[in-house]
Amino acid sequence: MKNDFQFAFLAVAVRLLDKYKFNIALNTLIKAQEYYSTEDYQKSLTNALLALDNTMHSICMNKKWINTVGSRSKLINVICNSKLIPGYLQNQYTSLVNILRIDPLSLRHKDHYKTSDDIPEYFTAFALQSTIASIIFLIRAYEDTEKLDLVKK
């Protein structure tokens, strides 16, 4: 990342992913950052999305909401339907869901962006920062549900 503010969010996400042993998500997020640093924006975007998918998959597997690998769309639906996000926040969560449904890799399919050199740095930075924020958001919600599960027992 280009500044301390951006790095701070990455550090939080890395700590949370490590805390819950979401190792695949952790490794792909670190790769996304490394590719961003070397200006390989296409690989950075690919790995950022994989990190988000792997985070959602890990949460769903740990909660026993799924038992197989699912698509991003399926994982988002499972997370919404399983009340990872409390009902009173569902309306606010709608905008996050819409962000999660955006696939920055679709840029590759546009005539303008066929290589990493064609993908703007600012777009990759935005996508990476959004992914990191989404990972933090989802893990914090996961932590809350874990606390509730303990209270119910």
N, C-alpha and C. Protein backbone atom coordinates (compact mmCIF):
# COMPACT_ATOMS: atom_id res chain seq x y z
N MET A 1 0.85 -1.17 0.00
CA MET A 1 0.00 0.00 0.00
C MET A 1 0.90 1.23 0.00
N LYS A 2 0.30 2.34 -0.30
CA LYS A 2 1.11 3.53 -0.54
C LYS A 2 1.31 4.40 0.71
N ASN A 3 0.47 4.23 1.76
CA ASN A 3 0.67 5.07 2.93
C ASN A 3 0.32 4.31 4.21
N ASP A 4 0.64 4.92 5.36
CA ASP A 4 0.44 4.27 6.65
C ASP A 4 -1.03 3.98 6.92
N PHE A 5 -1.92 4.87 6.51
CA PHE A 5 -3.35 4.68 6.73
C PHE A 5 -3.82 3.39 6.06
N GLN A 6 -3.42 3.20 4.82
CA GLN A 6 -3.80 2.00 4.09
C GLN A 6 -3.19 0.76 4.75
N PHE A 7 -1.95 0.87 5.18
CA PHE A 7 -1.27 -0.27 5.79
C PHE A 7 -1.93 -0.67 7.10
N ALA A 8 -2.45 0.30 7.85
CA ALA A 8 -3.10 0.01 9.13
C ALA A 8 -4.28 -0.93 8.94
N PHE A 9 -5.08 -0.72 7.91
CA PHE A 9 -6.22 -1.60 7.66
C PHE A 9 -5.76 -2.99 7.26
N LEU A 10 -4.71 -3.07 6.46
CA LEU A 10 -4.17 -4.36 6.08
C LEU A 10 -3.69 -5.11 7.32
N ALA A 11 -3.02 -4.41 8.23
CA ALA A 11 -2.52 -5.05 9.45
C ALA A 11 -3.66 -5.61 10.29
N VAL A 12 -4.76 -4.88 10.39
CA VAL A 12 -5.92 -5.36 11.15
C VAL A 12 -6.48 -6.62 10.50
N ALA A 13 -6.65 -6.59 9.20
CA ALA A 13 -7.18 -7.76 8.48
C ALA A 13 -6.27 -8.97 8.66
N VAL A 14 -4.97 -8.75 8.55
CA VAL A 14 -4.01 -9.85 8.71
C VAL A 14 -4.12 -10.44 10.12
N ARG A 15 -4.20 -9.59 11.14
CA ARG A 15 -4.32 -10.08 12.52
C ARG A 15 -5.60 -10.90 12.71
N LEU A 16 -6.71 -10.41 12.17
CA LEU A 16 -7.98 -11.12 12.32
C LEU A 16 -7.97 -12.45 11.57
N LEU A 17 -7.47 -12.45 10.35
CA LEU A 17 -7.40 -13.70 9.59
C LEU A 17 -6.50 -14.71 10.30
N ASP A 18 -5.40 -14.24 10.85
CA ASP A 18 -4.49 -15.12 11.58
C ASP A 18 -5.13 -15.62 12.87
N LYS A 19 -5.82 -14.76 13.58
CA LYS A 19 -6.47 -15.12 14.85
C LYS A 19 -7.42 -16.31 14.67
N TYR A 20 -8.17 -16.31 13.59
CA TYR A 20 -9.14 -17.37 13.35
C TYR A 20 -8.62 -18.48 12.43
N LYS A 21 -7.34 -18.41 12.12
CA LYS A 21 -6.69 -19.43 11.29
C LYS A 21 -7.33 -19.56 9.91
N PHE A 22 -7.74 -18.42 9.37
CA PHE A 22 -8.25 -18.39 7.99
C PHE A 22 -7.04 -18.24 7.07
N ASN A 23 -6.21 -19.28 7.07
CA ASN A 23 -4.89 -19.21 6.45
C ASN A 23 -4.92 -19.01 4.94
N ILE A 24 -5.86 -19.65 4.27
CA ILE A 24 -5.91 -19.49 2.81
C ILE A 24 -6.25 -18.04 2.47
N ALA A 25 -7.23 -17.49 3.18
CA ALA A 25 -7.60 -16.08 2.96
C ALA A 25 -6.42 -15.16 3.29
N LEU A 26 -5.73 -15.46 4.38
CA LEU A 26 -4.58 -14.66 4.79
C LEU A 26 -3.50 -14.68 3.71
N ASN A 27 -3.17 -15.85 3.22
CA ASN A 27 -2.12 -15.95 2.20
C ASN A 27 -2.50 -15.24 0.91
N THR A 28 -3.76 -15.36 0.49
CA THR A 28 -4.15 -14.70 -0.75
C THR A 28 -4.23 -13.18 -0.58
N LEU A 29 -4.59 -12.72 0.61
CA LEU A 29 -4.60 -11.27 0.85
C LEU A 29 -3.17 -10.72 0.81
N ILE A 30 -2.25 -11.44 1.42
CA ILE A 30 -0.85 -11.01 1.38
C ILE A 30 -0.32 -11.01 -0.06
N LYS A 31 -0.69 -12.02 -0.83
CA LYS A 31 -0.30 -12.04 -2.25
C LYS A 31 -0.89 -10.84 -2.99
N ALA A 32 -2.14 -10.52 -2.70
CA ALA A 32 -2.78 -9.37 -3.36
C ALA A 32 -1.98 -8.10 -3.08
N GLN A 33 -1.55 -7.94 -1.84
CA GLN A 33 -0.76 -6.77 -1.46
C GLN A 33 0.59 -6.78 -2.17
N GLU A 34 1.21 -7.95 -2.23
CA GLU A 34 2.52 -8.05 -2.89
C GLU A 34 2.40 -7.71 -4.38
N TYR A 35 1.37 -8.23 -5.03
CA TYR A 35 1.17 -7.91 -6.44
C TYR A 35 0.88 -6.43 -6.64
N TYR A 36 0.12 -5.85 -5.72
CA TYR A 36 -0.15 -4.40 -5.81
C TYR A 36 1.16 -3.63 -5.71
N SER A 37 2.01 -4.03 -4.77
CA SER A 37 3.30 -3.34 -4.57
C SER A 37 4.20 -3.43 -5.79
N THR A 38 4.09 -4.52 -6.54
CA THR A 38 4.92 -4.67 -7.74
C THR A 38 4.18 -4.22 -9.00
N GLU A 39 3.03 -3.59 -8.82
CA GLU A 39 2.22 -3.02 -9.89
C GLU A 39 1.66 -4.06 -10.86
N ASP A 40 1.47 -5.28 -10.36
CA ASP A 40 0.77 -6.30 -11.15
C ASP A 40 -0.69 -6.26 -10.70
N TYR A 41 -1.41 -5.29 -11.22
CA TYR A 41 -2.75 -4.98 -10.73
C TYR A 41 -3.76 -6.08 -11.03
N GLN A 42 -3.60 -6.74 -12.14
CA GLN A 42 -4.53 -7.82 -12.48
C GLN A 42 -4.43 -8.95 -11.45
N LYS A 43 -3.23 -9.37 -11.11
CA LYS A 43 -3.05 -10.43 -10.11
C LYS A 43 -3.44 -9.93 -8.72
N SER A 44 -3.24 -8.66 -8.45
CA SER A 44 -3.66 -8.09 -7.17
C SER A 44 -5.17 -8.20 -7.02
N LEU A 45 -5.90 -7.81 -8.07
CA LEU A 45 -7.37 -7.89 -8.03
C LEU A 45 -7.84 -9.33 -7.89
N THR A 46 -7.22 -10.23 -8.64
CA THR A 46 -7.60 -11.64 -8.57
C THR A 46 -7.43 -12.18 -7.15
N ASN A 47 -6.29 -11.89 -6.54
CA ASN A 47 -6.02 -12.39 -5.20
C ASN A 47 -6.86 -11.70 -4.13
N ALA A 48 -7.16 -10.43 -4.33
CA ALA A 48 -8.03 -9.73 -3.38
C ALA A 48 -9.41 -10.39 -3.34
N LEU A 49 -9.95 -10.68 -4.52
CA LEU A 49 -11.26 -11.34 -4.57
C LEU A 49 -11.20 -12.74 -3.98
N LEU A 50 -10.13 -13.45 -4.25
CA LEU A 50 -9.97 -14.79 -3.66
C LEU A 50 -9.90 -14.70 -2.14
N ALA A 51 -9.22 -13.70 -1.62
CA ALA A 51 -9.13 -13.53 -0.16
C ALA A 51 -10.51 -13.31 0.44
N LEU A 52 -11.31 -12.49 -0.22
CA LEU A 52 -12.67 -12.24 0.26
C LEU A 52 -13.51 -13.51 0.18
N ASP A 53 -13.44 -14.20 -0.95
CA ASP A 53 -14.18 -15.46 -1.10
C ASP A 53 -13.75 -16.47 -0.04
N ASN A 54 -12.45 -16.58 0.18
CA ASN A 54 -11.94 -17.53 1.16
C ASN A 54 -12.34 -17.15 2.58
N THR A 55 -12.43 -15.86 2.86
CA THR A 55 -12.90 -15.42 4.18
C THR A 55 -14.36 -15.84 4.38
N MET A 56 -15.19 -15.56 3.38
CA MET A 56 -16.60 -15.94 3.49
C MET A 56 -16.75 -17.45 3.61
N HIS A 57 -15.96 -18.18 2.83
CA HIS A 57 -16.01 -19.64 2.87
C HIS A 57 -15.61 -20.15 4.26
N SER A 58 -14.54 -19.60 4.83
CA SER A 58 -14.08 -20.03 6.15
C SER A 58 -15.13 -19.76 7.22
N ILE A 59 -15.74 -18.59 7.16
CA ILE A 59 -16.79 -18.26 8.12
C ILE A 59 -17.94 -19.26 7.99
N CYS A 60 -18.39 -19.49 6.77
CA CYS A 60 -19.52 -20.41 6.54
C CYS A 60 -19.19 -21.83 6.97
N MET A 61 -17.97 -22.28 6.72
CA MET A 61 -17.57 -23.63 7.14
C MET A 61 -17.48 -23.72 8.66
N ASN A 62 -16.89 -22.71 9.31
CA ASN A 62 -16.78 -22.73 10.77
C ASN A 62 -18.13 -22.71 11.45
N LYS A 63 -19.08 -22.01 10.85
CA LYS A 63 -20.44 -21.95 11.40
C LYS A 63 -21.27 -23.16 10.98
N LYS A 64 -20.69 -24.02 10.14
CA LYS A 64 -21.38 -25.20 9.61
C LYS A 64 -22.63 -24.84 8.80
N TRP A 65 -22.54 -23.73 8.09
CA TRP A 65 -23.63 -23.31 7.22
C TRP A 65 -23.52 -23.96 5.85
N ILE A 66 -22.32 -24.37 5.49
CA ILE A 66 -22.08 -25.07 4.23
C ILE A 66 -21.08 -26.18 4.49
N ASN A 67 -21.01 -27.14 3.57
CA ASN A 67 -19.99 -28.18 3.69
C ASN A 67 -19.22 -28.40 2.40
N THR A 68 -19.45 -27.53 1.43
CA THR A 68 -18.72 -27.60 0.16
C THR A 68 -18.31 -26.19 -0.25
N VAL A 69 -17.43 -26.14 -1.22
CA VAL A 69 -17.02 -24.85 -1.76
C VAL A 69 -18.18 -24.27 -2.57
N GLY A 70 -18.45 -22.99 -2.36
CA GLY A 70 -19.53 -22.35 -3.10
C GLY A 70 -19.04 -21.14 -3.86
N SER A 71 -19.86 -20.68 -4.77
CA SER A 71 -19.53 -19.47 -5.53
C SER A 71 -19.66 -18.25 -4.62
N ARG A 72 -19.09 -17.14 -5.05
CA ARG A 72 -19.20 -15.90 -4.29
C ARG A 72 -20.66 -15.56 -4.04
N SER A 73 -21.46 -15.69 -5.06
CA SER A 73 -22.88 -15.36 -4.95
C SER A 73 -23.57 -16.25 -3.91
N LYS A 74 -23.25 -17.55 -3.93
CA LYS A 74 -23.84 -18.47 -2.95
C LYS A 74 -23.38 -18.11 -1.54
N LEU A 75 -22.11 -17.82 -1.38
CA LEU A 75 -21.58 -17.48 -0.06
C LEU A 75 -22.24 -16.21 0.49
N ILE A 76 -22.42 -15.22 -0.36
CA ILE A 76 -23.08 -13.98 0.07
C ILE A 76 -24.51 -14.29 0.52
N ASN A 77 -25.21 -15.11 -0.25
CA ASN A 77 -26.58 -15.47 0.12
C ASN A 77 -26.63 -16.23 1.44
N VAL A 78 -25.71 -17.17 1.64
CA VAL A 78 -25.66 -17.93 2.89
C VAL A 78 -25.41 -16.99 4.06
N ILE A 79 -24.46 -16.08 3.90
CA ILE A 79 -24.14 -15.13 4.98
C ILE A 79 -25.34 -14.26 5.31
N CYS A 80 -26.04 -13.78 4.31
CA CYS A 80 -27.22 -12.94 4.55
C CYS A 80 -28.35 -13.75 5.19
N ASN A 81 -28.62 -14.92 4.66
CA ASN A 81 -29.73 -15.74 5.16
C ASN A 81 -29.45 -16.34 6.53
N SER A 82 -28.19 -16.47 6.90
CA SER A 82 -27.83 -17.08 8.18
C SER A 82 -27.70 -16.05 9.29
N LYS A 83 -28.00 -14.82 8.98
CA LYS A 83 -28.02 -13.74 9.98
C LYS A 83 -26.64 -13.46 10.58
N LEU A 84 -25.60 -13.61 9.76
CA LEU A 84 -24.28 -13.18 10.24
C LEU A 84 -24.35 -11.70 10.59
N ILE A 85 -25.10 -10.98 9.78
CA ILE A 85 -25.35 -9.56 10.03
C ILE A 85 -26.72 -9.47 10.69
N PRO A 86 -26.82 -8.85 11.88
CA PRO A 86 -28.12 -8.76 12.57
C PRO A 86 -29.19 -8.12 11.69
N GLY A 87 -30.42 -8.53 11.92
CA GLY A 87 -31.54 -8.06 11.12
C GLY A 87 -31.65 -6.55 11.05
N TYR A 88 -31.41 -5.87 12.17
CA TYR A 88 -31.54 -4.42 12.18
C TYR A 88 -30.47 -3.72 11.34
N LEU A 89 -29.44 -4.46 10.93
CA LEU A 89 -28.40 -3.89 10.06
C LEU A 89 -28.53 -4.37 8.62
N GLN A 90 -29.52 -5.20 8.33
CA GLN A 90 -29.63 -5.77 6.99
C GLN A 90 -29.76 -4.69 5.91
N ASN A 91 -30.53 -3.63 6.19
CA ASN A 91 -30.68 -2.57 5.18
C ASN A 91 -29.34 -1.92 4.87
N GLN A 92 -28.57 -1.63 5.92
CA GLN A 92 -27.26 -1.02 5.71
C GLN A 92 -26.32 -2.00 5.01
N TYR A 93 -26.52 -3.27 5.30
CA TYR A 93 -25.66 -4.30 4.73
C TYR A 93 -25.91 -4.46 3.23
N THR A 94 -27.08 -4.05 2.77
CA THR A 94 -27.42 -4.19 1.35
C THR A 94 -26.37 -3.52 0.48
N SER A 95 -25.91 -2.35 0.87
CA SER A 95 -24.90 -1.67 0.04
C SER A 95 -23.58 -2.44 0.05
N LEU A 96 -23.23 -3.05 1.18
CA LEU A 96 -22.02 -3.86 1.21
C LEU A 96 -22.18 -5.08 0.30
N VAL A 97 -23.35 -5.70 0.36
CA VAL A 97 -23.61 -6.85 -0.51
C VAL A 97 -23.44 -6.46 -1.96
N ASN A 98 -23.96 -5.29 -2.32
CA ASN A 98 -23.82 -4.82 -3.71
C ASN A 98 -22.35 -4.62 -4.07
N ILE A 99 -21.56 -4.11 -3.14
CA ILE A 99 -20.12 -3.95 -3.39
C ILE A 99 -19.47 -5.32 -3.55
N LEU A 100 -19.86 -6.27 -2.68
CA LEU A 100 -19.26 -7.60 -2.76
C LEU A 100 -19.60 -8.29 -4.07
N ARG A 101 -20.76 -7.97 -4.63
CA ARG A 101 -21.19 -8.60 -5.88
C ARG A 101 -20.46 -8.03 -7.10
N ILE A 102 -19.83 -6.87 -6.94
CA ILE A 102 -19.08 -6.27 -8.05
C ILE A 102 -17.84 -7.11 -8.29
N ASP A 103 -17.57 -7.39 -9.51
CA ASP A 103 -16.39 -8.18 -9.87
C ASP A 103 -15.42 -7.30 -10.64
N PRO A 104 -14.41 -6.77 -9.94
CA PRO A 104 -13.45 -5.90 -10.63
C PRO A 104 -12.73 -6.60 -11.77
N LEU A 105 -12.70 -7.92 -11.74
CA LEU A 105 -12.02 -8.64 -12.81
C LEU A 105 -12.73 -8.47 -14.14
N SER A 106 -13.97 -8.02 -14.10
CA SER A 106 -14.68 -7.79 -15.36
C SER A 106 -13.98 -6.72 -16.18
N LEU A 107 -13.13 -5.94 -15.54
CA LEU A 107 -12.33 -4.95 -16.28
C LEU A 107 -11.49 -5.62 -17.36
N ARG A 108 -11.04 -6.83 -17.06
CA ARG A 108 -10.19 -7.52 -18.03
C ARG A 108 -10.92 -7.76 -19.34
N HIS A 109 -12.23 -7.88 -19.24
CA HIS A 109 -13.01 -8.23 -20.41
C HIS A 109 -13.41 -7.00 -21.23
N LYS A 110 -13.13 -5.84 -20.71
CA LYS A 110 -13.42 -4.61 -21.46
C LYS A 110 -12.27 -4.37 -22.44
N ASP A 111 -12.58 -3.72 -23.52
CA ASP A 111 -11.55 -3.44 -24.51
C ASP A 111 -10.42 -2.59 -23.93
N HIS A 112 -10.72 -1.78 -22.93
CA HIS A 112 -9.74 -0.83 -22.41
C HIS A 112 -8.69 -1.49 -21.54
N TYR A 113 -9.05 -2.56 -20.81
CA TYR A 113 -8.17 -3.10 -19.79
C TYR A 113 -7.85 -4.57 -20.06
N LYS A 114 -6.86 -4.80 -20.88
CA LYS A 114 -6.51 -6.18 -21.21
C LYS A 114 -5.29 -6.68 -20.43
N THR A 115 -4.48 -5.78 -19.91
CA THR A 115 -3.30 -6.19 -19.15
C THR A 115 -3.24 -5.37 -17.87
N SER A 116 -2.34 -5.77 -16.98
CA SER A 116 -2.15 -5.02 -15.73
C SER A 116 -1.76 -3.58 -16.00
N ASP A 117 -1.02 -3.38 -17.09
CA ASP A 117 -0.60 -2.01 -17.41
C ASP A 117 -1.79 -1.12 -17.71
N ASP A 118 -2.89 -1.72 -18.15
CA ASP A 118 -4.08 -0.95 -18.52
C ASP A 118 -5.01 -0.69 -17.34
N ILE A 119 -4.85 -1.42 -16.23
CA ILE A 119 -5.71 -1.22 -15.07
C ILE A 119 -5.12 -0.09 -14.24
N PRO A 120 -5.90 0.95 -13.97
CA PRO A 120 -5.37 2.09 -13.22
C PRO A 120 -5.02 1.71 -11.77
N GLU A 121 -3.94 2.27 -11.28
CA GLU A 121 -3.51 2.03 -9.90
C GLU A 121 -4.59 2.41 -8.93
N TYR A 122 -5.25 3.55 -9.16
CA TYR A 122 -6.27 4.02 -8.22
C TYR A 122 -7.44 3.05 -8.14
N PHE A 123 -7.77 2.39 -9.25
CA PHE A 123 -8.84 1.40 -9.21
C PHE A 123 -8.43 0.20 -8.38
N THR A 124 -7.21 -0.27 -8.60
CA THR A 124 -6.72 -1.42 -7.84
C THR A 124 -6.63 -1.07 -6.36
N ALA A 125 -6.15 0.13 -6.04
CA ALA A 125 -6.08 0.55 -4.64
C ALA A 125 -7.47 0.56 -4.01
N PHE A 126 -8.45 1.10 -4.73
CA PHE A 126 -9.82 1.13 -4.22
C PHE A 126 -10.35 -0.29 -4.00
N ALA A 127 -10.16 -1.16 -4.98
CA ALA A 127 -10.66 -2.53 -4.87
C ALA A 127 -9.98 -3.26 -3.72
N LEU A 128 -8.69 -3.07 -3.56
CA LEU A 128 -7.95 -3.73 -2.48
C LEU A 128 -8.40 -3.20 -1.12
N GLN A 129 -8.53 -1.88 -1.01
CA GLN A 129 -8.99 -1.29 0.25
C GLN A 129 -10.42 -1.73 0.58
N SER A 130 -11.28 -1.79 -0.41
CA SER A 130 -12.66 -2.24 -0.20
C SER A 130 -12.70 -3.69 0.25
N THR A 131 -11.85 -4.50 -0.35
CA THR A 131 -11.77 -5.91 0.03
C THR A 131 -11.30 -6.05 1.46
N ILE A 132 -10.26 -5.32 1.82
CA ILE A 132 -9.74 -5.38 3.18
C ILE A 132 -10.80 -4.94 4.18
N ALA A 133 -11.50 -3.84 3.89
CA ALA A 133 -12.57 -3.36 4.77
C ALA A 133 -13.68 -4.40 4.88
N SER A 134 -14.02 -5.05 3.78
CA SER A 134 -15.07 -6.09 3.80
C SER A 134 -14.65 -7.28 4.64
N ILE A 135 -13.39 -7.68 4.53
CA ILE A 135 -12.88 -8.80 5.33
C ILE A 135 -12.96 -8.45 6.81
N ILE A 136 -12.54 -7.26 7.18
CA ILE A 136 -12.61 -6.83 8.59
C ILE A 136 -14.06 -6.84 9.05
N PHE A 137 -14.95 -6.27 8.26
CA PHE A 137 -16.38 -6.21 8.59
C PHE A 137 -16.94 -7.61 8.83
N LEU A 138 -16.67 -8.53 7.92
CA LEU A 138 -17.21 -9.88 8.03
C LEU A 138 -16.65 -10.62 9.24
N ILE A 139 -15.37 -10.47 9.51
CA ILE A 139 -14.79 -11.16 10.66
C ILE A 139 -15.30 -10.56 11.97
N ARG A 140 -15.47 -9.26 12.02
CA ARG A 140 -16.05 -8.64 13.23
C ARG A 140 -17.48 -9.14 13.46
N ALA A 141 -18.26 -9.28 12.39
CA ALA A 141 -19.61 -9.83 12.51
C ALA A 141 -19.54 -11.28 12.98
N TYR A 142 -18.59 -12.03 12.45
CA TYR A 142 -18.37 -13.42 12.86
C TYR A 142 -18.04 -13.47 14.35
N GLU A 143 -17.19 -12.57 14.82
CA GLU A 143 -16.85 -12.53 16.25
C GLU A 143 -18.10 -12.30 17.10
N ASP A 144 -18.96 -11.40 16.66
CA ASP A 144 -20.20 -11.14 17.41
C ASP A 144 -21.08 -12.38 17.48
N THR A 145 -21.18 -13.11 16.38
CA THR A 145 -22.02 -14.32 16.40
C THR A 145 -21.40 -15.40 17.28
N GLU A 146 -20.08 -15.44 17.34
CA GLU A 146 -19.42 -16.40 18.22
C GLU A 146 -19.73 -16.09 19.68
N LYS A 147 -19.74 -14.80 20.04
CA LYS A 147 -20.10 -14.40 21.41
C LYS A 147 -21.54 -14.80 21.72
N LEU A 148 -22.44 -14.57 20.78
CA LEU A 148 -23.85 -14.93 20.97
C LEU A 148 -24.00 -16.44 21.11
N ASP A 149 -23.25 -17.20 20.33
CA ASP A 149 -23.32 -18.66 20.43
C ASP A 149 -22.88 -19.14 21.81
N LEU A 150 -21.87 -18.49 22.39
CA LEU A 150 -21.41 -18.85 23.73
C LEU A 150 -22.47 -18.54 24.78
N VAL A 151 -23.15 -17.42 24.63
CA VAL A 151 -24.20 -17.03 25.58
C VAL A 151 -25.35 -18.03 25.52
N LYS A 152 -25.69 -18.50 24.33
CA LYS A 152 -26.79 -19.45 24.16
C LYS A 152 -26.50 -20.80 24.78
N LYS A 153 -25.21 -21.15 24.88
CA LYS A 153 -24.83 -22.47 25.43
C LYS A 153 -24.91 -22.47 26.89
